[in-house]
């Protein structure tokens, strides 16, 4: 085994020490890219607002219209842990917000790794339309699905892409799906401060924007609005599983998710996965999520059907 030392920016370590951080912790934090002690405050109030994520407002308006008109939303998920948690986050969040508005049906499909391949394909668009969907929502995929989006639009579906992968590039220029709403921090022109959001993080931000839009429409006020912080355990799991960089945004999302897991405030399926892995929820760490829970969910997508994993995360029945 070869160990490669992580460089420690001396200036950042010194600044952290001056802010009162112990010298050893200051060096460790600096080596992980922390340059300001304020980044260590994991309060959700320090998250950048959804308005800074390009496309989030358009997504919120599309979904709000769907909820208020009772339309069916068909989710197309990826078959890894990030995709499964993003799908479960979308399903739970849309049901929570839809219940407060009057609602819409939410269905999902997940491609078979061997038969369907990756991303939104024309065949998957056909399956979503067959569900009776009016809106097709991708989670953790879709930015490269040019043909799939075009076919979905030809079928009369409205399309919302939520993804975090890089777009296709042709002759040095990005190629994006056309005639759809895109929410992706890595799309051209997006000024969101974190380019490292996982797919589940992008979906969580879309739900925050949707709640704000429904609040603006008078569906509820700030006191009576549905809570979305219960989704953070799923956000933490998908973020850790996808091995994205724990920048200031992701660090807060994961810390807040772990805090709720340790308090027992998580979906029954996540609690069951921790239990079967022999990992006490009250002492859960990122290692438990990354090395005990995520591989069990990923196994469903590799050995059978990730729908099994998604059903585990969306059920409320222990």
C-alpha atoms as a PDB file:
ATOM      1  CA  UNK A   1       0.000   0.000   0.000  1.00  0.00           C
ATOM      2  CA  UNK A   2       1.278   3.428  -0.924  1.00  0.00           C
ATOM      3  CA  UNK A   3       0.193   6.371   1.200  1.00  0.00           C
ATOM      4  CA  UNK A   4       0.164   9.769  -0.458  1.00  0.00           C
ATOM      5  CA  UNK A   5       0.263  12.667   2.027  1.00  0.00           C
ATOM      6  CA  UNK A   6      -2.473  15.239   1.533  1.00  0.00           C
ATOM      7  CA  UNK A   7      -1.003  18.742   1.204  1.00  0.00           C
ATOM      8  CA  UNK A   8      -1.946  21.172   3.949  1.00  0.00           C
ATOM      9  CA  UNK A   9      -2.232  24.826   2.861  1.00  0.00           C
ATOM     10  CA  UNK A  10      -0.283  26.660   5.572  1.00  0.00           C
ATOM     11  CA  UNK A  11      -2.196  29.925   5.165  1.00  0.00           C
ATOM     12  CA  UNK A  12      -5.583  28.203   5.567  1.00  0.00           C
ATOM     13  CA  UNK A  13      -4.385  26.240   8.606  1.00  0.00           C
ATOM     14  CA  UNK A  14      -3.076  29.435  10.192  1.00  0.00           C
ATOM     15  CA  UNK A  15      -6.364  31.277   9.538  1.00  0.00           C
ATOM     16  CA  UNK A  16      -8.328  28.441  11.159  1.00  0.00           C
ATOM     17  CA  UNK A  17      -6.050  28.479  14.193  1.00  0.00           C
ATOM     18  CA  UNK A  18      -6.546  32.235  14.504  1.00  0.00           C
ATOM     19  CA  UNK A  19     -10.306  31.561  14.598  1.00  0.00           C
ATOM     20  CA  UNK A  20      -9.818  29.331  17.633  1.00  0.00           C
ATOM     21  CA  UNK A  21      -9.514  25.902  15.998  1.00  0.00           C
ATOM     22  CA  UNK A  22      -7.045  23.538  17.670  1.00  0.00           C
ATOM     23  CA  UNK A  23      -3.789  23.249  15.641  1.00  0.00           C
ATOM     24  CA  UNK A  24      -4.216  19.574  14.696  1.00  0.00           C
ATOM     25  CA  UNK A  25      -7.842  20.037  13.652  1.00  0.00           C
ATOM     26  CA  UNK A  26      -6.891  23.203  11.776  1.00  0.00           C
ATOM     27  CA  UNK A  27      -4.357  21.259   9.707  1.00  0.00           C
ATOM     28  CA  UNK A  28      -6.834  18.441   9.056  1.00  0.00           C
ATOM     29  CA  UNK A  29      -9.577  20.846   8.005  1.00  0.00           C
ATOM     30  CA  UNK A  30      -7.200  22.841   5.808  1.00  0.00           C
ATOM     31  CA  UNK A  31      -6.062  19.642   4.096  1.00  0.00           C
ATOM     32  CA  UNK A  32      -9.693  18.965   3.245  1.00  0.00           C
ATOM     33  CA  UNK A  33     -10.226  22.345   1.626  1.00  0.00           C
ATOM     34  CA  UNK A  34     -11.693  24.289   4.538  1.00  0.00           C
ATOM     35  CA  UNK A  35     -10.407  27.864   4.449  1.00  0.00           C
ATOM     36  CA  UNK A  36     -12.831  29.651   6.769  1.00  0.00           C
ATOM     37  CA  UNK A  37     -14.020  28.587  10.226  1.00  0.00           C
ATOM     38  CA  UNK A  38     -17.554  29.607   9.236  1.00  0.00           C
ATOM     39  CA  UNK A  39     -17.613  26.592   6.912  1.00  0.00           C
ATOM     40  CA  UNK A  40     -17.580  24.371  10.002  1.00  0.00           C
ATOM     41  CA  UNK A  41     -20.980  25.651  11.122  1.00  0.00           C
ATOM     42  CA  UNK A  42     -23.380  23.014   9.751  1.00  0.00           C
ATOM     43  CA  UNK A  43     -26.575  24.961  10.412  1.00  0.00           C
ATOM     44  CA  UNK A  44     -28.993  24.640   7.485  1.00  0.00           C
ATOM     45  CA  UNK A  45     -29.413  28.417   7.444  1.00  0.00           C
ATOM     46  CA  UNK A  46     -25.946  28.633   5.904  1.00  0.00           C
ATOM     47  CA  UNK A  47     -26.913  26.620   2.821  1.00  0.00           C
ATOM     48  CA  UNK A  48     -27.068  28.690  -0.377  1.00  0.00           C
ATOM     49  CA  UNK A  49     -30.698  29.351  -1.367  1.00  0.00           C
ATOM     50  CA  UNK A  50     -32.392  27.366  -4.165  1.00  0.00           C
ATOM     51  CA  UNK A  51     -32.659  30.557  -6.194  1.00  0.00           C
ATOM     52  CA  UNK A  52     -28.918  30.306  -6.883  1.00  0.00           C
ATOM     53  CA  UNK A  53     -29.361  26.972  -8.680  1.00  0.00           C
ATOM     54  CA  UNK A  54     -30.107  27.557 -12.350  1.00  0.00           C
ATOM     55  CA  UNK A  55     -33.406  26.073 -13.459  1.00  0.00           C
ATOM     56  CA  UNK A  56     -34.705  25.469  -9.930  1.00  0.00           C
ATOM     57  CA  UNK A  57     -37.406  28.146 -10.188  1.00  0.00           C
ATOM     58  CA  UNK A  58     -38.620  26.850 -13.560  1.00  0.00           C
ATOM     59  CA  UNK A  59     -38.646  23.329 -12.099  1.00  0.00           C
ATOM     60  CA  UNK A  60     -40.628  24.537  -9.105  1.00  0.00           C
ATOM     61  CA  UNK A  61     -43.232  26.179 -11.317  1.00  0.00           C
ATOM     62  CA  UNK A  62     -43.574  23.063 -13.504  1.00  0.00           C
ATOM     63  CA  UNK A  63     -44.007  20.762 -10.500  1.00  0.00           C
ATOM     64  CA  UNK A  64     -46.324  23.179  -8.685  1.00  0.00           C
ATOM     65  CA  UNK A  65     -48.592  23.261 -11.731  1.00  0.00           C
ATOM     66  CA  UNK A  66     -48.552  19.457 -11.856  1.00  0.00           C
ATOM     67  CA  UNK A  67     -49.457  19.151  -8.174  1.00  0.00           C
ATOM     68  CA  UNK A  68     -52.217  21.725  -8.340  1.00  0.00           C
ATOM     69  CA  UNK A  69     -53.776  20.184 -11.451  1.00  0.00           C
ATOM     70  CA  UNK A  70     -53.572  16.620 -10.145  1.00  0.00           C
ATOM     71  CA  UNK A  71     -51.244  15.445 -12.892  1.00  0.00           C
ATOM     72  CA  UNK A  72     -49.174  12.267 -12.752  1.00  0.00           C
ATOM     73  CA  UNK A  73     -45.412  12.666 -12.324  1.00  0.00           C
ATOM     74  CA  UNK A  74     -43.246   9.802 -13.572  1.00  0.00           C
ATOM     75  CA  UNK A  75     -39.757   9.624 -12.062  1.00  0.00           C
ATOM     76  CA  UNK A  76     -36.926   8.006 -14.033  1.00  0.00           C
ATOM     77  CA  UNK A  77     -34.236   6.973 -11.561  1.00  0.00           C
ATOM     78  CA  UNK A  78     -30.692   5.740 -11.889  1.00  0.00           C
ATOM     79  CA  UNK A  79     -29.872   2.275 -10.539  1.00  0.00           C
ATOM     80  CA  UNK A  80     -27.144   3.164  -8.046  1.00  0.00           C
ATOM     81  CA  UNK A  81     -27.452   4.372  -4.450  1.00  0.00           C
ATOM     82  CA  UNK A  82     -27.448   8.055  -5.401  1.00  0.00           C
ATOM     83  CA  UNK A  83     -30.197   7.390  -7.927  1.00  0.00           C
ATOM     84  CA  UNK A  84     -32.225   5.325  -5.455  1.00  0.00           C
ATOM     85  CA  UNK A  85     -32.011   7.931  -2.703  1.00  0.00           C
ATOM     86  CA  UNK A  86     -32.769  10.720  -5.195  1.00  0.00           C
ATOM     87  CA  UNK A  87     -35.856   8.822  -6.347  1.00  0.00           C
ATOM     88  CA  UNK A  88     -36.983   8.183  -2.765  1.00  0.00           C
ATOM     89  CA  UNK A  89     -36.356  11.840  -1.896  1.00  0.00           C
ATOM     90  CA  UNK A  90     -38.430  12.974  -4.885  1.00  0.00           C
ATOM     91  CA  UNK A  91     -41.216  10.476  -4.117  1.00  0.00           C
ATOM     92  CA  UNK A  92     -41.431  11.383  -0.433  1.00  0.00           C
ATOM     93  CA  UNK A  93     -41.052  15.118  -1.007  1.00  0.00           C
ATOM     94  CA  UNK A  94     -43.643  15.291  -3.782  1.00  0.00           C
ATOM     95  CA  UNK A  95     -46.116  13.301  -1.703  1.00  0.00           C
ATOM     96  CA  UNK A  96     -45.544  15.557   1.319  1.00  0.00           C
ATOM     97  CA  UNK A  97     -46.031  18.726  -0.716  1.00  0.00           C
ATOM     98  CA  UNK A  98     -48.802  17.258  -2.847  1.00  0.00           C
ATOM     99  CA  UNK A  99     -50.759  16.214   0.218  1.00  0.00           C
ATOM    100  CA  UNK A 100     -50.764  19.836   1.335  1.00  0.00           C
ATOM    101  CA  UNK A 101     -51.932  21.066  -2.072  1.00  0.00           C
ATOM    102  CA  UNK A 102     -54.434  18.470  -3.203  1.00  0.00           C
ATOM    103  CA  UNK A 103     -51.990  16.241  -4.884  1.00  0.00           C
ATOM    104  CA  UNK A 104     -50.846  14.361  -7.892  1.00  0.00           C
ATOM    105  CA  UNK A 105     -49.930  10.776  -8.488  1.00  0.00           C
ATOM    106  CA  UNK A 106     -46.223   9.989  -8.319  1.00  0.00           C
ATOM    107  CA  UNK A 107     -44.886   6.885 -10.045  1.00  0.00           C
ATOM    108  CA  UNK A 108     -41.365   5.773 -10.828  1.00  0.00           C
ATOM    109  CA  UNK A 109     -39.442   3.526 -13.184  1.00  0.00           C
ATOM    110  CA  UNK A 110     -35.842   2.444 -12.897  1.00  0.00           C
ATOM    111  CA  UNK A 111     -33.905   1.016 -15.854  1.00  0.00           C
ATOM    112  CA  UNK A 112     -32.512  -2.483 -15.834  1.00  0.00           C
ATOM    113  CA  UNK A 113     -28.725  -2.236 -15.900  1.00  0.00           C
ATOM    114  CA  UNK A 114     -28.306  -4.999 -18.509  1.00  0.00           C
ATOM    115  CA  UNK A 115     -31.429  -4.525 -20.630  1.00  0.00           C
ATOM    116  CA  UNK A 116     -31.937  -0.749 -20.632  1.00  0.00           C
ATOM    117  CA  UNK A 117     -28.476   0.681 -20.106  1.00  0.00           C
ATOM    118  CA  UNK A 118     -27.939   4.056 -18.495  1.00  0.00           C
ATOM    119  CA  UNK A 119     -30.136   7.143 -18.518  1.00  0.00           C
ATOM    120  CA  UNK A 120     -33.413   8.144 -20.088  1.00  0.00           C
ATOM    121  CA  UNK A 121     -33.885   6.235 -23.348  1.00  0.00           C
ATOM    122  CA  UNK A 122     -36.782   6.447 -25.807  1.00  0.00           C
ATOM    123  CA  UNK A 123     -37.986   3.061 -24.509  1.00  0.00           C
ATOM    124  CA  UNK A 124     -38.049   4.369 -20.938  1.00  0.00           C
ATOM    125  CA  UNK A 125     -39.950   7.441 -22.081  1.00  0.00           C
ATOM    126  CA  UNK A 126     -42.547   5.076 -23.555  1.00  0.00           C
ATOM    127  CA  UNK A 127     -42.803   3.266 -20.200  1.00  0.00           C
ATOM    128  CA  UNK A 128     -43.338   6.543 -18.358  1.00  0.00           C
ATOM    129  CA  UNK A 129     -46.057   7.565 -20.803  1.00  0.00           C
ATOM    130  CA  UNK A 130     -47.705   4.167 -20.333  1.00  0.00           C
ATOM    131  CA  UNK A 131     -47.977   4.946 -16.610  1.00  0.00           C
ATOM    132  CA  UNK A 132     -50.292   7.796 -17.556  1.00  0.00           C
ATOM    133  CA  UNK A 133     -47.694  10.416 -16.654  1.00  0.00           C
ATOM    134  CA  UNK A 134     -47.967  14.027 -17.734  1.00  0.00           C
ATOM    135  CA  UNK A 135     -44.538  15.059 -16.401  1.00  0.00           C
ATOM    136  CA  UNK A 136     -41.323  13.070 -16.700  1.00  0.00           C
ATOM    137  CA  UNK A 137     -38.795  13.821 -13.964  1.00  0.00           C
ATOM    138  CA  UNK A 138     -35.285  12.378 -14.107  1.00  0.00           C
ATOM    139  CA  UNK A 139     -33.153  12.036 -10.991  1.00  0.00           C
ATOM    140  CA  UNK A 140     -29.377  11.527 -11.149  1.00  0.00           C
ATOM    141  CA  UNK A 141     -29.491  11.183 -14.937  1.00  0.00           C
ATOM    142  CA  UNK A 142     -30.787  12.805 -18.085  1.00  0.00           C
ATOM    143  CA  UNK A 143     -28.260  15.508 -18.925  1.00  0.00           C
ATOM    144  CA  UNK A 144     -26.832  13.289 -21.691  1.00  0.00           C
ATOM    145  CA  UNK A 145     -30.173  11.776 -22.774  1.00  0.00           C
ATOM    146  CA  UNK A 146     -30.735  13.836 -25.912  1.00  0.00           C
ATOM    147  CA  UNK A 147     -32.740  11.182 -27.764  1.00  0.00           C
ATOM    148  CA  UNK A 148     -34.732  10.142 -24.703  1.00  0.00           C
ATOM    149  CA  UNK A 149     -35.803  13.699 -23.958  1.00  0.00           C
ATOM    150  CA  UNK A 150     -36.703  14.355 -27.583  1.00  0.00           C
ATOM    151  CA  UNK A 151     -38.848  11.201 -27.676  1.00  0.00           C
ATOM    152  CA  UNK A 152     -40.553  12.080 -24.394  1.00  0.00           C
ATOM    153  CA  UNK A 153     -41.437  15.523 -25.740  1.00  0.00           C
ATOM    154  CA  UNK A 154     -42.784  13.930 -28.929  1.00  0.00           C
ATOM    155  CA  UNK A 155     -45.043  11.806 -26.711  1.00  0.00           C
ATOM    156  CA  UNK A 156     -46.427  14.972 -25.153  1.00  0.00           C
ATOM    157  CA  UNK A 157     -44.620  14.709 -21.835  1.00  0.00           C
ATOM    158  CA  UNK A 158     -43.237  17.728 -20.040  1.00  0.00           C
ATOM    159  CA  UNK A 159     -39.655  16.931 -19.048  1.00  0.00           C
ATOM    160  CA  UNK A 160     -37.664  18.024 -16.025  1.00  0.00           C
ATOM    161  CA  UNK A 161     -34.016  16.921 -15.838  1.00  0.00           C
ATOM    162  CA  UNK A 162     -32.356  16.878 -12.413  1.00  0.00           C
ATOM    163  CA  UNK A 163     -28.783  15.669 -12.666  1.00  0.00           C
ATOM    164  CA  UNK A 164     -25.256  16.472 -11.556  1.00  0.00           C
ATOM    165  CA  UNK A 165     -23.168  14.840 -14.272  1.00  0.00           C
ATOM    166  CA  UNK A 166     -21.305  16.767 -16.936  1.00  0.00           C
ATOM    167  CA  UNK A 167     -23.161  17.387 -20.204  1.00  0.00           C
ATOM    168  CA  UNK A 168     -22.063  15.934 -23.518  1.00  0.00           C
ATOM    169  CA  UNK A 169     -19.563  18.011 -25.481  1.00  0.00           C
ATOM    170  CA  UNK A 170     -19.405  18.253 -29.279  1.00  0.00           C
ATOM    171  CA  UNK A 171     -16.706  20.293 -31.016  1.00  0.00           C
ATOM    172  CA  UNK A 172     -15.874  21.910 -27.723  1.00  0.00           C
ATOM    173  CA  UNK A 173     -19.466  23.002 -27.039  1.00  0.00           C
ATOM    174  CA  UNK A 174     -21.854  21.419 -24.502  1.00  0.00           C
ATOM    175  CA  UNK A 175     -24.870  19.642 -25.956  1.00  0.00           C
ATOM    176  CA  UNK A 176     -27.937  19.829 -23.739  1.00  0.00           C
ATOM    177  CA  UNK A 177     -31.363  18.223 -24.095  1.00  0.00           C
ATOM    178  CA  UNK A 178     -33.785  20.582 -25.791  1.00  0.00           C
ATOM    179  CA  UNK A 179     -37.279  21.817 -24.932  1.00  0.00           C
ATOM    180  CA  UNK A 180     -37.122  20.832 -21.272  1.00  0.00           C
ATOM    181  CA  UNK A 181     -36.258  22.243 -17.846  1.00  0.00           C
ATOM    182  CA  UNK A 182     -32.766  21.391 -16.586  1.00  0.00           C
ATOM    183  CA  UNK A 183     -31.485  21.645 -13.025  1.00  0.00           C
ATOM    184  CA  UNK A 184     -27.817  20.737 -12.835  1.00  0.00           C
ATOM    185  CA  UNK A 185     -25.070  22.727 -11.085  1.00  0.00           C
ATOM    186  CA  UNK A 186     -22.686  21.625 -13.848  1.00  0.00           C
ATOM    187  CA  UNK A 187     -24.718  23.009 -16.743  1.00  0.00           C
ATOM    188  CA  UNK A 188     -23.337  26.094 -18.482  1.00  0.00           C
ATOM    189  CA  UNK A 189     -24.278  29.356 -16.828  1.00  0.00           C
ATOM    190  CA  UNK A 190     -25.131  27.928 -13.409  1.00  0.00           C
ATOM    191  CA  UNK A 191     -23.605  30.006 -10.619  1.00  0.00           C
ATOM    192  CA  UNK A 192     -24.444  27.649  -7.758  1.00  0.00           C
ATOM    193  CA  UNK A 193     -21.452  27.677  -5.382  1.00  0.00           C
ATOM    194  CA  UNK A 194     -21.184  23.882  -5.187  1.00  0.00           C
ATOM    195  CA  UNK A 195     -20.428  21.892  -8.327  1.00  0.00           C
ATOM    196  CA  UNK A 196     -20.138  18.737  -6.209  1.00  0.00           C
ATOM    197  CA  UNK A 197     -23.817  18.188  -5.357  1.00  0.00           C
ATOM    198  CA  UNK A 198     -24.865  14.568  -5.764  1.00  0.00           C
ATOM    199  CA  UNK A 199     -28.026  13.736  -7.684  1.00  0.00           C
ATOM    200  CA  UNK A 200     -29.960  13.434  -4.428  1.00  0.00           C
ATOM    201  CA  UNK A 201     -28.722  16.874  -3.372  1.00  0.00           C
ATOM    202  CA  UNK A 202     -29.983  18.411  -6.612  1.00  0.00           C
ATOM    203  CA  UNK A 203     -33.408  16.834  -6.085  1.00  0.00           C
ATOM    204  CA  UNK A 204     -33.526  18.072  -2.495  1.00  0.00           C
ATOM    205  CA  UNK A 205     -32.843  21.609  -3.711  1.00  0.00           C
ATOM    206  CA  UNK A 206     -35.618  21.325  -6.301  1.00  0.00           C
ATOM    207  CA  UNK A 207     -38.034  20.359  -3.522  1.00  0.00           C
ATOM    208  CA  UNK A 208     -36.936  23.386  -1.488  1.00  0.00           C
ATOM    209  CA  UNK A 209     -37.669  25.585  -4.506  1.00  0.00           C
ATOM    210  CA  UNK A 210     -41.019  23.844  -5.034  1.00  0.00           C
ATOM    211  CA  UNK A 211     -42.062  24.431  -1.424  1.00  0.00           C
ATOM    212  CA  UNK A 212     -41.163  28.112  -1.745  1.00  0.00           C
ATOM    213  CA  UNK A 213     -43.211  28.356  -4.959  1.00  0.00           C
ATOM    214  CA  UNK A 214     -46.244  26.699  -3.348  1.00  0.00           C
ATOM    215  CA  UNK A 215     -45.876  29.042  -0.393  1.00  0.00           C
ATOM    216  CA  UNK A 216     -45.806  31.994  -2.793  1.00  0.00           C
ATOM    217  CA  UNK A 217     -49.024  30.709  -4.384  1.00  0.00           C
ATOM    218  CA  UNK A 218     -50.708  30.693  -0.986  1.00  0.00           C
ATOM    219  CA  UNK A 219     -50.975  26.910  -0.600  1.00  0.00           C
ATOM    220  CA  UNK A 220     -49.595  27.223   2.944  1.00  0.00           C
ATOM    221  CA  UNK A 221     -47.632  29.671   5.021  1.00  0.00           C
ATOM    222  CA  UNK A 222     -44.223  29.393   6.630  1.00  0.00           C
ATOM    223  CA  UNK A 223     -45.749  28.022   9.835  1.00  0.00           C
ATOM    224  CA  UNK A 224     -47.933  25.340   8.266  1.00  0.00           C
ATOM    225  CA  UNK A 225     -45.647  24.352   5.386  1.00  0.00           C
ATOM    226  CA  UNK A 226     -44.601  20.680   5.111  1.00  0.00           C
ATOM    227  CA  UNK A 227     -41.198  19.936   6.596  1.00  0.00           C
ATOM    228  CA  UNK A 228     -38.519  18.609   4.274  1.00  0.00           C
ATOM    229  CA  UNK A 229     -35.702  18.126   6.779  1.00  0.00           C
ATOM    230  CA  UNK A 230     -36.887  14.546   7.245  1.00  0.00           C
ATOM    231  CA  UNK A 231     -35.400  13.865   3.796  1.00  0.00           C
ATOM    232  CA  UNK A 232     -31.874  14.714   4.945  1.00  0.00           C
ATOM    233  CA  UNK A 233     -30.974  11.139   6.039  1.00  0.00           C
ATOM    234  CA  UNK A 234     -31.574  10.055   2.430  1.00  0.00           C
ATOM    235  CA  UNK A 235     -29.605  13.047   1.139  1.00  0.00           C
ATOM    236  CA  UNK A 236     -26.704  12.161   3.422  1.00  0.00           C
ATOM    237  CA  UNK A 237     -26.730   8.518   2.318  1.00  0.00           C
ATOM    238  CA  UNK A 238     -26.757   9.310  -1.407  1.00  0.00           C
ATOM    239  CA  UNK A 239     -24.115  12.013  -1.057  1.00  0.00           C
ATOM    240  CA  UNK A 240     -21.716   9.733   0.819  1.00  0.00           C
ATOM    241  CA  UNK A 241     -22.402   6.784  -1.481  1.00  0.00           C
ATOM    242  CA  UNK A 242     -21.614   8.785  -4.621  1.00  0.00           C
ATOM    243  CA  UNK A 243     -18.217   9.806  -3.194  1.00  0.00           C
ATOM    244  CA  UNK A 244     -18.677  13.432  -4.162  1.00  0.00           C
ATOM    245  CA  UNK A 245     -16.433  16.042  -2.584  1.00  0.00           C
ATOM    246  CA  UNK A 246     -17.549  17.128   0.873  1.00  0.00           C
ATOM    247  CA  UNK A 247     -17.430  20.835   0.176  1.00  0.00           C
ATOM    248  CA  UNK A 248     -19.225  23.303   2.456  1.00  0.00           C
ATOM    249  CA  UNK A 249     -22.675  22.486   1.016  1.00  0.00           C
ATOM    250  CA  UNK A 250     -22.308  18.707   1.036  1.00  0.00           C
ATOM    251  CA  UNK A 251     -20.673  18.754   4.463  1.00  0.00           C
ATOM    252  CA  UNK A 252     -23.730  20.492   5.903  1.00  0.00           C
ATOM    253  CA  UNK A 253     -26.174  18.168   4.157  1.00  0.00           C
ATOM    254  CA  UNK A 254     -24.344  15.073   5.403  1.00  0.00           C
ATOM    255  CA  UNK A 255     -23.881  16.409   8.937  1.00  0.00           C
ATOM    256  CA  UNK A 256     -27.560  17.281   9.230  1.00  0.00           C
ATOM    257  CA  UNK A 257     -28.604  13.911   7.814  1.00  0.00           C
ATOM    258  CA  UNK A 258     -26.375  12.035  10.262  1.00  0.00           C
ATOM    259  CA  UNK A 259     -27.742  14.099  13.132  1.00  0.00           C
ATOM    260  CA  UNK A 260     -31.260  12.910  12.323  1.00  0.00           C
ATOM    261  CA  UNK A 261     -30.177   9.298  11.788  1.00  0.00           C
ATOM    262  CA  UNK A 262     -28.538   9.268  15.211  1.00  0.00           C
ATOM    263  CA  UNK A 263     -31.756  10.609  16.700  1.00  0.00           C
ATOM    264  CA  UNK A 264     -33.740   7.812  15.036  1.00  0.00           C
ATOM    265  CA  UNK A 265     -35.545  10.232  12.689  1.00  0.00           C
ATOM    266  CA  UNK A 266     -35.181   8.357   9.398  1.00  0.00           C
ATOM    267  CA  UNK A 267     -37.237   6.202   7.028  1.00  0.00           C
ATOM    268  CA  UNK A 268     -37.884   2.676   8.332  1.00  0.00           C
ATOM    269  CA  UNK A 269     -36.005   1.155   5.379  1.00  0.00           C
ATOM    270  CA  UNK A 270     -32.819   3.022   6.222  1.00  0.00           C
ATOM    271  CA  UNK A 271     -33.159   1.987   9.859  1.00  0.00           C
ATOM    272  CA  UNK A 272     -33.592  -1.629   8.760  1.00  0.00           C
ATOM    273  CA  UNK A 273     -30.490  -1.516   6.558  1.00  0.00           C
ATOM    274  CA  UNK A 274     -28.412  -0.167   9.431  1.00  0.00           C
ATOM    275  CA  UNK A 275     -29.810  -2.869  11.716  1.00  0.00           C
ATOM    276  CA  UNK A 276     -29.134  -5.744   9.330  1.00  0.00           C
ATOM    277  CA  UNK A 277     -25.596  -4.411   8.865  1.00  0.00           C
ATOM    278  CA  UNK A 278     -25.084  -4.433  12.625  1.00  0.00           C
ATOM    279  CA  UNK A 279     -24.418  -0.677  12.743  1.00  0.00           C
ATOM    280  CA  UNK A 280     -26.071   1.132  15.691  1.00  0.00           C
ATOM    281  CA  UNK A 281     -27.997   4.109  14.337  1.00  0.00           C
ATOM    282  CA  UNK A 282     -27.261   6.146  17.457  1.00  0.00           C
ATOM    283  CA  UNK A 283     -23.554   6.087  16.563  1.00  0.00           C
ATOM    284  CA  UNK A 284     -23.870   6.182  12.767  1.00  0.00           C
ATOM    285  CA  UNK A 285     -20.979   7.652  10.788  1.00  0.00           C
ATOM    286  CA  UNK A 286     -20.210   8.301   7.155  1.00  0.00           C
ATOM    287  CA  UNK A 287     -18.302   4.996   7.160  1.00  0.00           C
ATOM    288  CA  UNK A 288     -21.508   3.172   8.085  1.00  0.00           C
ATOM    289  CA  UNK A 289     -23.341   4.839   5.209  1.00  0.00           C
ATOM    290  CA  UNK A 290     -20.543   4.319   2.687  1.00  0.00           C
ATOM    291  CA  UNK A 291     -19.420   0.813   3.582  1.00  0.00           C
ATOM    292  CA  UNK A 292     -22.468  -0.872   5.145  1.00  0.00           C
ATOM    293  CA  UNK A 293     -25.697   0.677   3.854  1.00  0.00           C
ATOM    294  CA  UNK A 294     -24.810   1.886   0.347  1.00  0.00           C
ATOM    295  CA  UNK A 295     -23.354  -1.460  -0.851  1.00  0.00           C
ATOM    296  CA  UNK A 296     -26.548  -3.241   0.189  1.00  0.00           C
ATOM    297  CA  UNK A 297     -28.647  -0.818  -1.845  1.00  0.00           C
ATOM    298  CA  UNK A 298     -26.261  -0.976  -4.790  1.00  0.00           C
ATOM    299  CA  UNK A 299     -26.487  -4.775  -4.724  1.00  0.00           C
ATOM    300  CA  UNK A 300     -30.175  -4.547  -5.608  1.00  0.00           C
ATOM    301  CA  UNK A 301     -29.330  -2.675  -8.802  1.00  0.00           C
ATOM    302  CA  UNK A 302     -26.493  -5.015  -9.720  1.00  0.00           C
ATOM    303  CA  UNK A 303     -27.983  -8.393  -8.854  1.00  0.00           C
ATOM    304  CA  UNK A 304     -31.699  -7.881  -9.347  1.00  0.00           C
ATOM    305  CA  UNK A 305     -33.693  -4.656  -9.650  1.00  0.00           C
ATOM    306  CA  UNK A 306     -33.082  -1.329  -7.919  1.00  0.00           C
ATOM    307  CA  UNK A 307     -36.852  -1.017  -7.520  1.00  0.00           C
ATOM    308  CA  UNK A 308     -36.363  -3.297  -4.521  1.00  0.00           C
ATOM    309  CA  UNK A 309     -34.005  -0.747  -2.973  1.00  0.00           C
ATOM    310  CA  UNK A 310     -36.264   2.207  -3.787  1.00  0.00           C
ATOM    311  CA  UNK A 311     -39.298   0.430  -2.316  1.00  0.00           C
ATOM    312  CA  UNK A 312     -37.239  -0.137   0.824  1.00  0.00           C
ATOM    313  CA  UNK A 313     -36.566   3.600   1.137  1.00  0.00           C
ATOM    314  CA  UNK A 314     -40.093   4.866   0.393  1.00  0.00           C
ATOM    315  CA  UNK A 315     -42.060   2.514   2.626  1.00  0.00           C
ATOM    316  CA  UNK A 316     -43.357   3.747   5.968  1.00  0.00           C
ATOM    317  CA  UNK A 317     -44.100   0.215   7.171  1.00  0.00           C
ATOM    318  CA  UNK A 318     -41.273  -1.299   9.273  1.00  0.00           C
END
